[in-house]
Amino acid sequence: MANVAVVGFGRIGRSAVKAGLSRKLFTPSVITDIVGADAMAPLFEFDTNYGRWPDQVHAGPDGLTIGDSTIAWLDARDGAPDWQALGVGLVLDCTGRATTRAGAQAHLDAGAGRVLVSAPSKTLQDCDAVLLPGINLDSYDPVKHQIVSMASCTTNGLAPVIKVLLETVGIRDGFFSTVHAYTNSQSLTDQPMRERRDSWAAAENIIPSSSGAAKALKFIWPDLQVTGKSYRVPVRTGSIVELTARVGRPTTAAELNEAFADAAAAGPLAGILGVLHEGWASARIVGESRSCIVDLPLTLVSDGDLVTVAAWYDNEAGYAMRLAETVATLATG
């Protein structure tokens, strides 16, 4: 496996490393951030959303030590290091600045073999492929795909639902709404922000927001006629996305739910898509490593071809696990 560097050790960077370590998918050889390891070590060990990491974590002169592993730590303010000299073959960029080709290309120019972007690329031309586990990761080509985007948590939460519907009844068109936990892009208290709606306190308001998932889904399925939006709500993690679509032929809720249950049990979506047979609230899926959990009692069908499907997802933990799995695939390809 190629050595892996993690660039950006914020919410997703830390969660991706935890997913990689917990499933023995990868251990980074290098981490870079604009903040020092001494400040990041306690944030890694003690997490408000997920509790305490089981191993001891501390910063030292050689970098960040997690259990028995010591990971080199570099100051990201110095720019991309000489990845080739460091023996790094794959960079997992979690800064949000590699969503343009120029941002990702900087890592390749510094000697990395490929870059995995933990965010939606601005356009399809800003990456070589948008690849999601269980959806199209099997199309990964190590020769052609040097810059790979894994889109967003919502894209990964909605894509399994889209895939099952396309393969079962087809989709003519549709809309989705995601009710999403608040994020660091919002404000803790009322203050002017670049996005006007984000100016109000995240933990006290329901805040409409755009969603890039619709554009990212079209990178995977160019003919898909689905768009949507997001509502940020006062929970720290755990989200739900609801898709309402006109499908290609008459169906029933029972048929759709059977298709979701079958996809969760076997095939490419096993371990990525799950189902719930009883009524739950968002606390049920905090820490859930699957990309989405279809709430079967919420599946409805009107007039045979108008359907609505709701799927829960932990917008941090589920996405981070898919990142870790994709790192393992790209680092061995």
C-alpha atoms as a PDB file:
ATOM      1  CA  MET A   1       0.000   0.000   0.000  1.00  0.00           C
ATOM      2  CA  ALA A   2       1.257   3.482  -0.872  1.00  0.00           C
ATOM      3  CA  ASN A   3       2.005   5.834   2.009  1.00  0.00           C
ATOM      4  CA  VAL A   4      -0.938   8.142   2.740  1.00  0.00           C
ATOM      5  CA  ALA A   5      -0.836  11.786   3.807  1.00  0.00           C
ATOM      6  CA  VAL A   6      -3.843  13.571   5.324  1.00  0.00           C
ATOM      7  CA  VAL A   7      -3.979  17.289   4.573  1.00  0.00           C
ATOM      8  CA  GLY A   8      -6.339  19.125   6.912  1.00  0.00           C
ATOM      9  CA  PHE A   9      -7.149  17.665  10.335  1.00  0.00           C
ATOM     10  CA  GLY A  10     -10.568  19.197  10.943  1.00  0.00           C
ATOM     11  CA  ARG A  11     -13.846  17.342  11.497  1.00  0.00           C
ATOM     12  CA  ILE A  12     -13.557  15.161   8.393  1.00  0.00           C
ATOM     13  CA  GLY A  13      -9.787  14.696   8.516  1.00  0.00           C
ATOM     14  CA  ARG A  14      -9.917  13.429  12.095  1.00  0.00           C
ATOM     15  CA  SER A  15     -12.958  11.255  11.444  1.00  0.00           C
ATOM     16  CA  ALA A  16     -11.367   9.717   8.341  1.00  0.00           C
ATOM     17  CA  VAL A  17      -8.226   8.816  10.278  1.00  0.00           C
ATOM     18  CA  LYS A  18     -10.357   7.265  13.037  1.00  0.00           C
ATOM     19  CA  ALA A  19     -12.257   5.231  10.442  1.00  0.00           C
ATOM     20  CA  GLY A  20      -9.017   4.113   8.824  1.00  0.00           C
ATOM     21  CA  LEU A  21      -7.473   3.055  12.119  1.00  0.00           C
ATOM     22  CA  SER A  22     -10.604   1.382  13.509  1.00  0.00           C
ATOM     23  CA  ARG A  23     -11.056  -0.833  10.439  1.00  0.00           C
ATOM     24  CA  LYS A  24      -7.302  -1.188   9.741  1.00  0.00           C
ATOM     25  CA  LEU A  25      -7.833   0.369   6.313  1.00  0.00           C
ATOM     26  CA  PHE A  26      -4.933   2.799   6.492  1.00  0.00           C
ATOM     27  CA  THR A  27      -2.592   4.597   8.877  1.00  0.00           C
ATOM     28  CA  PRO A  28      -1.333   7.943   7.574  1.00  0.00           C
ATOM     29  CA  SER A  29       2.407   8.464   7.449  1.00  0.00           C
ATOM     30  CA  VAL A  30       2.055  12.267   7.429  1.00  0.00           C
ATOM     31  CA  ILE A  31      -0.551  14.791   8.579  1.00  0.00           C
ATOM     32  CA  THR A  32      -0.409  18.484   7.710  1.00  0.00           C
ATOM     33  CA  ASP A  33      -2.493  21.282   9.176  1.00  0.00           C
ATOM     34  CA  ILE A  34      -2.203  24.992   9.891  1.00  0.00           C
ATOM     35  CA  VAL A  35      -2.627  24.131  13.603  1.00  0.00           C
ATOM     36  CA  GLY A  36       0.004  22.231  15.569  1.00  0.00           C
ATOM     37  CA  ALA A  37      -0.226  18.618  16.722  1.00  0.00           C
ATOM     38  CA  ASP A  38      -0.275  19.693  20.382  1.00  0.00           C
ATOM     39  CA  ALA A  39      -3.606  21.462  19.818  1.00  0.00           C
ATOM     40  CA  MET A  40      -5.077  18.690  17.660  1.00  0.00           C
ATOM     41  CA  ALA A  41      -4.178  15.709  19.876  1.00  0.00           C
ATOM     42  CA  PRO A  42      -6.838  16.397  22.551  1.00  0.00           C
ATOM     43  CA  LEU A  43      -9.473  17.103  19.885  1.00  0.00           C
ATOM     44  CA  PHE A  44      -8.745  13.715  18.349  1.00  0.00           C
ATOM     45  CA  GLU A  45      -8.820  11.873  21.676  1.00  0.00           C
ATOM     46  CA  PHE A  46     -11.940  13.532  23.137  1.00  0.00           C
ATOM     47  CA  ASP A  47     -14.757  14.192  20.659  1.00  0.00           C
ATOM     48  CA  THR A  48     -18.071  15.798  21.594  1.00  0.00           C
ATOM     49  CA  ASN A  49     -20.035  13.775  19.057  1.00  0.00           C
ATOM     50  CA  TYR A  50     -18.425  10.352  19.442  1.00  0.00           C
ATOM     51  CA  GLY A  51     -16.706  10.240  22.804  1.00  0.00           C
ATOM     52  CA  ARG A  52     -13.181   9.169  23.743  1.00  0.00           C
ATOM     53  CA  TRP A  53     -10.784   7.416  21.374  1.00  0.00           C
ATOM     54  CA  PRO A  54      -9.751   4.092  22.969  1.00  0.00           C
ATOM     55  CA  ASP A  55      -5.979   4.625  22.571  1.00  0.00           C
ATOM     56  CA  GLN A  56      -3.844   7.284  24.176  1.00  0.00           C
ATOM     57  CA  VAL A  57      -3.083  10.269  21.971  1.00  0.00           C
ATOM     58  CA  HIS A  58      -0.297  12.779  22.438  1.00  0.00           C
ATOM     59  CA  ALA A  59       1.917  15.163  20.492  1.00  0.00           C
ATOM     60  CA  GLY A  60       5.683  14.870  20.637  1.00  0.00           C
ATOM     61  CA  PRO A  61       8.802  15.965  18.809  1.00  0.00           C
ATOM     62  CA  ASP A  62       8.267  13.280  16.151  1.00  0.00           C
ATOM     63  CA  GLY A  63       4.625  14.168  15.480  1.00  0.00           C
ATOM     64  CA  LEU A  64       1.253  12.807  16.602  1.00  0.00           C
ATOM     65  CA  THR A  65       1.228   9.495  18.451  1.00  0.00           C
ATOM     66  CA  ILE A  66      -2.010   7.476  18.423  1.00  0.00           C
ATOM     67  CA  GLY A  67      -1.632   4.244  20.330  1.00  0.00           C
ATOM     68  CA  ASP A  68       1.436   2.506  18.875  1.00  0.00           C
ATOM     69  CA  SER A  69       1.574   4.665  15.724  1.00  0.00           C
ATOM     70  CA  THR A  70       3.553   7.882  15.438  1.00  0.00           C
ATOM     71  CA  ILE A  71       2.561  10.061  12.483  1.00  0.00           C
ATOM     72  CA  ALA A  72       4.793  12.830  11.172  1.00  0.00           C
ATOM     73  CA  TRP A  73       3.268  16.302  11.492  1.00  0.00           C
ATOM     74  CA  LEU A  74       3.999  19.177   9.111  1.00  0.00           C
ATOM     75  CA  ASP A  75       2.891  22.813   9.062  1.00  0.00           C
ATOM     76  CA  ALA A  76       0.479  23.257   6.138  1.00  0.00           C
ATOM     77  CA  ARG A  77       1.232  26.987   6.023  1.00  0.00           C
ATOM     78  CA  ASP A  78       4.506  26.080   4.297  1.00  0.00           C
ATOM     79  CA  GLY A  79       2.533  24.775   1.299  1.00  0.00           C
ATOM     80  CA  ALA A  80       2.569  21.279  -0.163  1.00  0.00           C
ATOM     81  CA  PRO A  81       5.751  19.496   0.990  1.00  0.00           C
ATOM     82  CA  ASP A  82       7.909  17.342  -1.254  1.00  0.00           C
ATOM     83  CA  TRP A  83       5.576  14.352  -1.224  1.00  0.00           C
ATOM     84  CA  GLN A  84       7.931  12.283  -3.334  1.00  0.00           C
ATOM     85  CA  ALA A  85      10.777  12.766  -0.869  1.00  0.00           C
ATOM     86  CA  LEU A  86       8.414  11.783   1.945  1.00  0.00           C
ATOM     87  CA  GLY A  87       7.393   8.632   0.056  1.00  0.00           C
ATOM     88  CA  VAL A  88       3.728   9.695  -0.106  1.00  0.00           C
ATOM     89  CA  GLY A  89       1.750   8.097  -2.920  1.00  0.00           C
ATOM     90  CA  LEU A  90      -1.749   9.285  -1.991  1.00  0.00           C
ATOM     91  CA  VAL A  91      -2.901  12.573  -0.483  1.00  0.00           C
ATOM     92  CA  LEU A  92      -6.300  12.722   1.227  1.00  0.00           C
ATOM     93  CA  ASP A  93      -7.122  16.431   1.061  1.00  0.00           C
ATOM     94  CA  CYS A  94      -9.682  17.462   3.686  1.00  0.00           C
ATOM     95  CA  THR A  95      -9.117  21.207   3.524  1.00  0.00           C
ATOM     96  CA  GLY A  96     -11.868  22.069   1.042  1.00  0.00           C
ATOM     97  CA  ARG A  97      -9.267  23.821  -1.122  1.00  0.00           C
ATOM     98  CA  ALA A  98      -8.677  20.958  -3.568  1.00  0.00           C
ATOM     99  CA  THR A  99     -12.114  21.269  -5.138  1.00  0.00           C
ATOM    100  CA  THR A 100     -10.535  22.979  -8.150  1.00  0.00           C
ATOM    101  CA  ARG A 101      -8.037  21.203 -10.383  1.00  0.00           C
ATOM    102  CA  ALA A 102      -5.371  23.772  -9.534  1.00  0.00           C
ATOM    103  CA  GLY A 103      -5.797  23.082  -5.809  1.00  0.00           C
ATOM    104  CA  ALA A 104      -5.497  19.332  -6.235  1.00  0.00           C
ATOM    105  CA  GLN A 105      -2.782  19.559  -8.884  1.00  0.00           C
ATOM    106  CA  ALA A 106      -0.447  21.198  -6.350  1.00  0.00           C
ATOM    107  CA  HIS A 107      -0.124  17.833  -4.602  1.00  0.00           C
ATOM    108  CA  LEU A 108       0.647  16.034  -7.859  1.00  0.00           C
ATOM    109  CA  ASP A 109       3.224  18.696  -8.734  1.00  0.00           C
ATOM    110  CA  ALA A 110       4.819  18.069  -5.336  1.00  0.00           C
ATOM    111  CA  GLY A 111       5.271  14.388  -6.160  1.00  0.00           C
ATOM    112  CA  ALA A 112       2.112  12.629  -4.947  1.00  0.00           C
ATOM    113  CA  GLY A 113       0.768   9.899  -7.215  1.00  0.00           C
ATOM    114  CA  ARG A 114      -2.893  10.775  -6.729  1.00  0.00           C
ATOM    115  CA  VAL A 115      -5.235  12.919  -4.674  1.00  0.00           C
ATOM    116  CA  LEU A 116      -8.534  12.027  -3.002  1.00  0.00           C
ATOM    117  CA  VAL A 117     -10.694  15.097  -2.391  1.00  0.00           C
ATOM    118  CA  SER A 118     -13.102  14.914   0.551  1.00  0.00           C
ATOM    119  CA  ALA A 119     -15.566  17.352  -1.016  1.00  0.00           C
ATOM    120  CA  PRO A 120     -17.446  17.882  -4.279  1.00  0.00           C
ATOM    121  CA  SER A 121     -15.194  19.192  -7.044  1.00  0.00           C
ATOM    122  CA  LYS A 122     -16.444  22.490  -8.452  1.00  0.00           C
ATOM    123  CA  THR A 123     -16.980  20.951 -11.889  1.00  0.00           C
ATOM    124  CA  LEU A 124     -16.374  17.597 -13.490  1.00  0.00           C
ATOM    125  CA  GLN A 125     -13.326  19.129 -15.181  1.00  0.00           C
ATOM    126  CA  ASP A 126     -11.786  19.833 -11.768  1.00  0.00           C
ATOM    127  CA  CYS A 127     -11.246  16.126 -11.118  1.00  0.00           C
ATOM    128  CA  ASP A 128     -10.642  12.979 -13.126  1.00  0.00           C
ATOM    129  CA  ALA A 129     -13.572  11.091 -11.602  1.00  0.00           C
ATOM    130  CA  VAL A 130     -16.243  11.252  -8.909  1.00  0.00           C
ATOM    131  CA  LEU A 131     -16.158   7.823  -7.286  1.00  0.00           C
ATOM    132  CA  LEU A 132     -18.334   6.518  -4.449  1.00  0.00           C
ATOM    133  CA  PRO A 133     -18.013   3.104  -2.750  1.00  0.00           C
ATOM    134  CA  GLY A 134     -20.930   0.846  -3.623  1.00  0.00           C
ATOM    135  CA  ILE A 135     -21.930   3.116  -6.491  1.00  0.00           C
ATOM    136  CA  ASN A 136     -19.113   3.340  -9.037  1.00  0.00           C
ATOM    137  CA  LEU A 137     -15.791   2.894  -7.218  1.00  0.00           C
ATOM    138  CA  ASP A 138     -15.295  -0.326  -9.170  1.00  0.00           C
ATOM    139  CA  SER A 139     -14.690   1.859 -12.255  1.00  0.00           C
ATOM    140  CA  TYR A 140     -11.526   3.309 -10.705  1.00  0.00           C
ATOM    141  CA  ASP A 141      -8.659   3.353 -13.213  1.00  0.00           C
ATOM    142  CA  PRO A 142      -5.265   4.043 -11.583  1.00  0.00           C
ATOM    143  CA  VAL A 143      -3.862   5.257 -14.898  1.00  0.00           C
ATOM    144  CA  LYS A 144      -6.624   7.746 -15.718  1.00  0.00           C
ATOM    145  CA  HIS A 145      -7.784   8.789 -12.262  1.00  0.00           C
ATOM    146  CA  GLN A 146      -5.160  10.852 -10.461  1.00  0.00           C
ATOM    147  CA  ILE A 147      -7.594  13.364  -8.908  1.00  0.00           C
ATOM    148  CA  VAL A 148     -10.661  11.664  -7.419  1.00  0.00           C
ATOM    149  CA  SER A 149     -13.524  13.461  -5.701  1.00  0.00           C
ATOM    150  CA  MET A 150     -15.773  11.645  -3.258  1.00  0.00           C
ATOM    151  CA  ALA A 151     -18.416  14.399  -3.376  1.00  0.00           C
ATOM    152  CA  SER A 152     -20.293  15.197  -0.139  1.00  0.00           C
ATOM    153  CA  CYS A 153     -21.860  13.360   2.773  1.00  0.00           C
ATOM    154  CA  THR A 154     -25.320  14.070   1.343  1.00  0.00           C
ATOM    155  CA  THR A 155     -24.303  12.746  -2.081  1.00  0.00           C
ATOM    156  CA  ASN A 156     -23.106   9.544  -0.446  1.00  0.00           C
ATOM    157  CA  GLY A 157     -26.292   9.383   1.632  1.00  0.00           C
ATOM    158  CA  LEU A 158     -28.598   9.845  -1.341  1.00  0.00           C
ATOM    159  CA  ALA A 159     -26.718   7.903  -4.038  1.00  0.00           C
ATOM    160  CA  PRO A 160     -27.628   4.419  -2.703  1.00  0.00           C
ATOM    161  CA  VAL A 161     -31.329   5.382  -2.732  1.00  0.00           C
ATOM    162  CA  ILE A 162     -30.974   6.687  -6.290  1.00  0.00           C
ATOM    163  CA  LYS A 163     -29.142   3.538  -7.386  1.00  0.00           C
ATOM    164  CA  VAL A 164     -31.816   1.185  -6.018  1.00  0.00           C
ATOM    165  CA  LEU A 165     -34.652   3.210  -7.529  1.00  0.00           C
ATOM    166  CA  LEU A 166     -32.948   3.427 -10.932  1.00  0.00           C
ATOM    167  CA  GLU A 167     -32.376  -0.317 -11.003  1.00  0.00           C
ATOM    168  CA  THR A 168     -35.863  -1.189  -9.720  1.00  0.00           C
ATOM    169  CA  VAL A 169     -38.334   1.254 -11.282  1.00  0.00           C
ATOM    170  CA  GLY A 170     -36.327   4.035 -12.936  1.00  0.00           C
ATOM    171  CA  ILE A 171     -36.543   7.760 -12.147  1.00  0.00           C
ATOM    172  CA  ARG A 172     -38.187  10.331 -14.417  1.00  0.00           C
ATOM    173  CA  ASP A 173     -37.448  13.358 -12.215  1.00  0.00           C
ATOM    174  CA  GLY A 174     -37.476  14.367  -8.590  1.00  0.00           C
ATOM    175  CA  PHE A 175     -36.604  16.674  -5.718  1.00  0.00           C
ATOM    176  CA  PHE A 176     -34.810  15.987  -2.451  1.00  0.00           C
ATOM    177  CA  SER A 177     -34.559  17.849   0.838  1.00  0.00           C
ATOM    178  CA  THR A 178     -31.947  17.044   3.420  1.00  0.00           C
ATOM    179  CA  VAL A 179     -32.474  17.979   7.060  1.00  0.00           C
ATOM    180  CA  HIS A 180     -28.839  18.363   8.020  1.00  0.00           C
ATOM    181  CA  ALA A 181     -26.895  18.903  11.234  1.00  0.00           C
ATOM    182  CA  TYR A 182     -25.237  22.288  11.544  1.00  0.00           C
ATOM    183  CA  THR A 183     -21.591  22.637  10.453  1.00  0.00           C
ATOM    184  CA  ASN A 184     -18.560  24.859  10.959  1.00  0.00           C
ATOM    185  CA  SER A 185     -19.569  26.996   7.987  1.00  0.00           C
ATOM    186  CA  GLN A 186     -22.315  28.501  10.166  1.00  0.00           C
ATOM    187  CA  SER A 187     -22.195  30.950  13.041  1.00  0.00           C
ATOM    188  CA  LEU A 188     -22.550  30.070  16.717  1.00  0.00           C
ATOM    189  CA  THR A 189     -24.168  33.439  17.463  1.00  0.00           C
ATOM    190  CA  ASP A 190     -25.900  36.014  15.280  1.00  0.00           C
ATOM    191  CA  GLN A 191     -23.294  37.852  13.191  1.00  0.00           C
ATOM    192  CA  PRO A 192     -22.861  38.812   9.532  1.00  0.00           C
ATOM    193  CA  MET A 193     -21.664  35.902   7.379  1.00  0.00           C
ATOM    194  CA  ARG A 194     -20.880  35.564   3.679  1.00  0.00           C
ATOM    195  CA  GLU A 195     -24.052  33.515   3.180  1.00  0.00           C
ATOM    196  CA  ARG A 196     -26.819  35.673   4.649  1.00  0.00           C
ATOM    197  CA  ARG A 197     -28.870  32.816   6.119  1.00  0.00           C
ATOM    198  CA  ASP A 198     -25.773  31.531   7.963  1.00  0.00           C
ATOM    199  CA  SER A 199     -25.701  34.798   9.927  1.00  0.00           C
ATOM    200  CA  TRP A 200     -28.145  33.441  12.504  1.00  0.00           C
ATOM    201  CA  ALA A 201     -27.171  31.147  15.367  1.00  0.00           C
ATOM    202  CA  ALA A 202     -26.813  27.586  14.096  1.00  0.00           C
ATOM    203  CA  ALA A 203     -27.939  25.940  17.336  1.00  0.00           C
ATOM    204  CA  GLU A 204     -31.108  28.029  17.558  1.00  0.00           C
ATOM    205  CA  ASN A 205     -32.500  28.158  14.024  1.00  0.00           C
ATOM    206  CA  ILE A 206     -33.679  26.098  11.062  1.00  0.00           C
ATOM    207  CA  ILE A 207     -31.545  27.506   8.270  1.00  0.00           C
ATOM    208  CA  PRO A 208     -32.223  26.811   4.580  1.00  0.00           C
ATOM    209  CA  SER A 209     -29.103  26.157   2.537  1.00  0.00           C
ATOM    210  CA  SER A 210     -28.100  25.030  -0.912  1.00  0.00           C
ATOM    211  CA  SER A 211     -26.946  21.464  -1.533  1.00  0.00           C
ATOM    212  CA  GLY A 212     -24.245  20.485  -3.985  1.00  0.00           C
ATOM    213  CA  ALA A 213     -25.471  16.896  -4.017  1.00  0.00           C
ATOM    214  CA  ALA A 214     -27.659  17.393  -7.088  1.00  0.00           C
ATOM    215  CA  LYS A 215     -24.697  18.528  -9.208  1.00  0.00           C
ATOM    216  CA  ALA A 216     -22.470  15.740  -7.886  1.00  0.00           C
ATOM    217  CA  LEU A 217     -25.114  13.106  -8.603  1.00  0.00           C
ATOM    218  CA  LYS A 218     -25.189  14.252 -12.233  1.00  0.00           C
ATOM    219  CA  PHE A 219     -21.438  13.679 -12.391  1.00  0.00           C
ATOM    220  CA  ILE A 220     -22.273  10.014 -11.762  1.00  0.00           C
ATOM    221  CA  TRP A 221     -25.589   9.776 -13.641  1.00  0.00           C
ATOM    222  CA  PRO A 222     -25.515  12.525 -16.329  1.00  0.00           C
ATOM    223  CA  ASP A 223     -29.151  11.964 -17.349  1.00  0.00           C
ATOM    224  CA  LEU A 224     -30.518  12.105 -13.792  1.00  0.00           C
ATOM    225  CA  GLN A 225     -33.189  14.807 -13.384  1.00  0.00           C
ATOM    226  CA  VAL A 226     -33.047  15.333  -9.611  1.00  0.00           C
ATOM    227  CA  THR A 227     -32.324  18.527  -7.693  1.00  0.00           C
ATOM    228  CA  GLY A 228     -32.735  19.635  -4.101  1.00  0.00           C
ATOM    229  CA  LYS A 229     -31.865  21.776  -1.098  1.00  0.00           C
ATOM    230  CA  SER A 230     -30.817  21.542   2.523  1.00  0.00           C
ATOM    231  CA  TYR A 231     -32.177  22.681   5.866  1.00  0.00           C
ATOM    232  CA  ARG A 232     -29.577  23.004   8.633  1.00  0.00           C
ATOM    233  CA  VAL A 233     -31.072  22.209  12.030  1.00  0.00           C
ATOM    234  CA  PRO A 234     -29.886  22.375  15.662  1.00  0.00           C
ATOM    235  CA  VAL A 235     -28.341  18.909  16.038  1.00  0.00           C
ATOM    236  CA  ARG A 236     -24.580  18.354  16.210  1.00  0.00           C
ATOM    237  CA  THR A 237     -24.564  15.353  13.854  1.00  0.00           C
ATOM    238  CA  GLY A 238     -27.074  13.032  12.211  1.00  0.00           C
ATOM    239  CA  SER A 239     -29.138  13.989   9.159  1.00  0.00           C
ATOM    240  CA  ILE A 240     -31.995  12.690   7.014  1.00  0.00           C
ATOM    241  CA  VAL A 241     -32.583  13.112   3.291  1.00  0.00           C
ATOM    242  CA  GLU A 242     -35.981  12.681   1.652  1.00  0.00           C
ATOM    243  CA  LEU A 243     -36.328  12.083  -2.070  1.00  0.00           C
ATOM    244  CA  THR A 244     -39.661  12.603  -3.822  1.00  0.00           C
ATOM    245  CA  ALA A 245     -39.622  11.355  -7.404  1.00  0.00           C
ATOM    246  CA  ARG A 246     -41.759  10.294 -10.295  1.00  0.00           C
ATOM    247  CA  VAL A 247     -40.610   6.832 -11.227  1.00  0.00           C
ATOM    248  CA  GLY A 248     -40.593   5.040 -14.543  1.00  0.00           C
ATOM    249  CA  ARG A 249     -43.408   2.587 -13.882  1.00  0.00           C
ATOM    250  CA  PRO A 250     -46.149   1.898 -11.334  1.00  0.00           C
ATOM    251  CA  THR A 251     -44.886   0.485  -8.056  1.00  0.00           C
ATOM    252  CA  THR A 252     -45.823   0.027  -4.404  1.00  0.00           C
ATOM    253  CA  ALA A 253     -44.173   0.868  -1.114  1.00  0.00           C
ATOM    254  CA  ALA A 254     -43.876  -2.851  -0.409  1.00  0.00           C
ATOM    255  CA  GLU A 255     -41.965  -3.443  -3.660  1.00  0.00           C
ATOM    256  CA  LEU A 256     -39.588  -0.566  -3.016  1.00  0.00           C
ATOM    257  CA  ASN A 257     -38.949  -1.558   0.585  1.00  0.00           C
ATOM    258  CA  GLU A 258     -38.193  -5.098  -0.490  1.00  0.00           C
ATOM    259  CA  ALA A 259     -35.696  -3.749  -3.029  1.00  0.00           C
ATOM    260  CA  PHE A 260     -33.982  -1.643  -0.357  1.00  0.00           C
ATOM    261  CA  ALA A 261     -33.841  -4.564   2.073  1.00  0.00           C
ATOM    262  CA  ASP A 262     -32.378  -6.837  -0.606  1.00  0.00           C
ATOM    263  CA  ALA A 263     -29.744  -4.252  -1.553  1.00  0.00           C
ATOM    264  CA  ALA A 264     -28.769  -3.819   2.096  1.00  0.00           C
ATOM    265  CA  ALA A 265     -28.351  -7.575   2.557  1.00  0.00           C
ATOM    266  CA  ALA A 266     -26.173  -8.433  -0.440  1.00  0.00           C
ATOM    267  CA  GLY A 267     -24.420  -6.938  -3.419  1.00  0.00           C
ATOM    268  CA  PRO A 268     -22.366  -3.749  -3.838  1.00  0.00           C
ATOM    269  CA  LEU A 269     -24.449  -1.775  -1.326  1.00  0.00           C
ATOM    270  CA  ALA A 270     -24.137  -4.278   1.532  1.00  0.00           C
ATOM    271  CA  GLY A 271     -22.473  -2.457   4.414  1.00  0.00           C
ATOM    272  CA  ILE A 272     -23.167   0.895   2.743  1.00  0.00           C
ATOM    273  CA  LEU A 273     -26.975   0.983   2.718  1.00  0.00           C
ATOM    274  CA  GLY A 274     -29.094  -0.161   5.640  1.00  0.00           C
ATOM    275  CA  VAL A 275     -32.800  -0.313   6.475  1.00  0.00           C
ATOM    276  CA  LEU A 276     -34.929   0.373   9.538  1.00  0.00           C
ATOM    277  CA  HIS A 277     -38.203  -1.489  10.058  1.00  0.00           C
ATOM    278  CA  GLU A 278     -39.353   0.528  13.087  1.00  0.00           C
ATOM    279  CA  GLY A 279     -39.703   4.225  13.884  1.00  0.00           C
ATOM    280  CA  TRP A 280     -36.578   6.003  15.156  1.00  0.00           C
ATOM    281  CA  ALA A 281     -35.203   9.517  15.662  1.00  0.00           C
ATOM    282  CA  SER A 282     -31.812  10.896  14.621  1.00  0.00           C
ATOM    283  CA  ALA A 283     -29.980   9.740  17.763  1.00  0.00           C
ATOM    284  CA  ARG A 284     -30.298   6.202  16.362  1.00  0.00           C
ATOM    285  CA  ILE A 285     -27.800   6.854  13.590  1.00  0.00           C
ATOM    286  CA  VAL A 286     -25.128   8.883  15.413  1.00  0.00           C
ATOM    287  CA  GLY A 287     -21.886   6.991  14.838  1.00  0.00           C
ATOM    288  CA  GLU A 288     -23.447   4.918  12.035  1.00  0.00           C
ATOM    289  CA  SER A 289     -20.727   3.856   9.590  1.00  0.00           C
ATOM    290  CA  ARG A 290     -23.074   3.104   6.677  1.00  0.00           C
ATOM    291  CA  SER A 291     -23.746   5.851   4.138  1.00  0.00           C
ATOM    292  CA  CYS A 292     -27.523   5.791   4.590  1.00  0.00           C
ATOM    293  CA  ILE A 293     -30.238   3.941   6.438  1.00  0.00           C
ATOM    294  CA  VAL A 294     -33.605   3.859   4.652  1.00  0.00           C
ATOM    295  CA  ASP A 295     -36.500   4.384   7.076  1.00  0.00           C
ATOM    296  CA  LEU A 296     -38.902   1.848   5.557  1.00  0.00           C
ATOM    297  CA  PRO A 297     -42.067   3.027   7.390  1.00  0.00           C
ATOM    298  CA  LEU A 298     -41.610   6.439   5.743  1.00  0.00           C
ATOM    299  CA  THR A 299     -41.713   5.055   2.189  1.00  0.00           C
ATOM    300  CA  LEU A 300     -44.902   6.251   0.471  1.00  0.00           C
ATOM    301  CA  VAL A 301     -46.333   5.847  -3.028  1.00  0.00           C
ATOM    302  CA  SER A 302     -49.106   7.965  -4.564  1.00  0.00           C
ATOM    303  CA  ASP A 303     -50.886   7.132  -7.831  1.00  0.00           C
ATOM    304  CA  GLY A 304     -48.428   4.332  -8.470  1.00  0.00           C
ATOM    305  CA  ASP A 305     -45.552   6.442  -9.781  1.00  0.00           C
ATOM    306  CA  LEU A 306     -45.030   9.272  -7.269  1.00  0.00           C
ATOM    307  CA  VAL A 307     -42.786   7.978  -4.499  1.00  0.00           C
ATOM    308  CA  THR A 308     -41.060   9.398  -1.445  1.00  0.00           C
ATOM    309  CA  VAL A 309     -38.179   7.690   0.347  1.00  0.00           C
ATOM    310  CA  ALA A 310     -36.370   8.899   3.481  1.00  0.00           C
ATOM    311  CA  ALA A 311     -32.857   7.844   4.516  1.00  0.00           C
ATOM    312  CA  TRP A 312     -30.903   8.692   7.656  1.00  0.00           C
ATOM    313  CA  TYR A 313     -27.149   9.290   7.607  1.00  0.00           C
ATOM    314  CA  ASP A 314     -24.486  10.382  10.053  1.00  0.00           C
ATOM    315  CA  ASN A 315     -23.022  13.197   7.999  1.00  0.00           C
ATOM    316  CA  GLU A 316     -19.605  12.755   9.629  1.00  0.00           C
ATOM    317  CA  ALA A 317     -19.126   9.102  10.565  1.00  0.00           C
ATOM    318  CA  GLY A 318     -20.696   7.523   7.473  1.00  0.00           C
ATOM    319  CA  TYR A 319     -18.862   9.778   5.032  1.00  0.00           C
ATOM    320  CA  ALA A 320     -15.563   9.298   6.886  1.00  0.00           C
ATOM    321  CA  MET A 321     -15.868   5.517   6.610  1.00  0.00           C
ATOM    322  CA  ARG A 322     -16.402   5.743   2.854  1.00  0.00           C
ATOM    323  CA  LEU A 323     -13.341   8.005   2.635  1.00  0.00           C
ATOM    324  CA  ALA A 324     -11.262   5.444   4.517  1.00  0.00           C
ATOM    325  CA  GLU A 325     -12.456   2.642   2.236  1.00  0.00           C
ATOM    326  CA  THR A 326     -11.654   4.697  -0.849  1.00  0.00           C
ATOM    327  CA  VAL A 327      -8.208   5.559   0.522  1.00  0.00           C
ATOM    328  CA  ALA A 328      -7.535   1.816   0.876  1.00  0.00           C
ATOM    329  CA  THR A 329      -8.647   1.198  -2.709  1.00  0.00           C
ATOM    330  CA  LEU A 330      -6.653   4.055  -4.241  1.00  0.00           C
ATOM    331  CA  ALA A 331      -3.541   3.365  -2.169  1.00  0.00           C
ATOM    332  CA  THR A 332      -3.344  -0.197  -3.449  1.00  0.00           C
ATOM    333  CA  GLY A 333      -4.329   0.547  -7.058  1.00  0.00           C
END
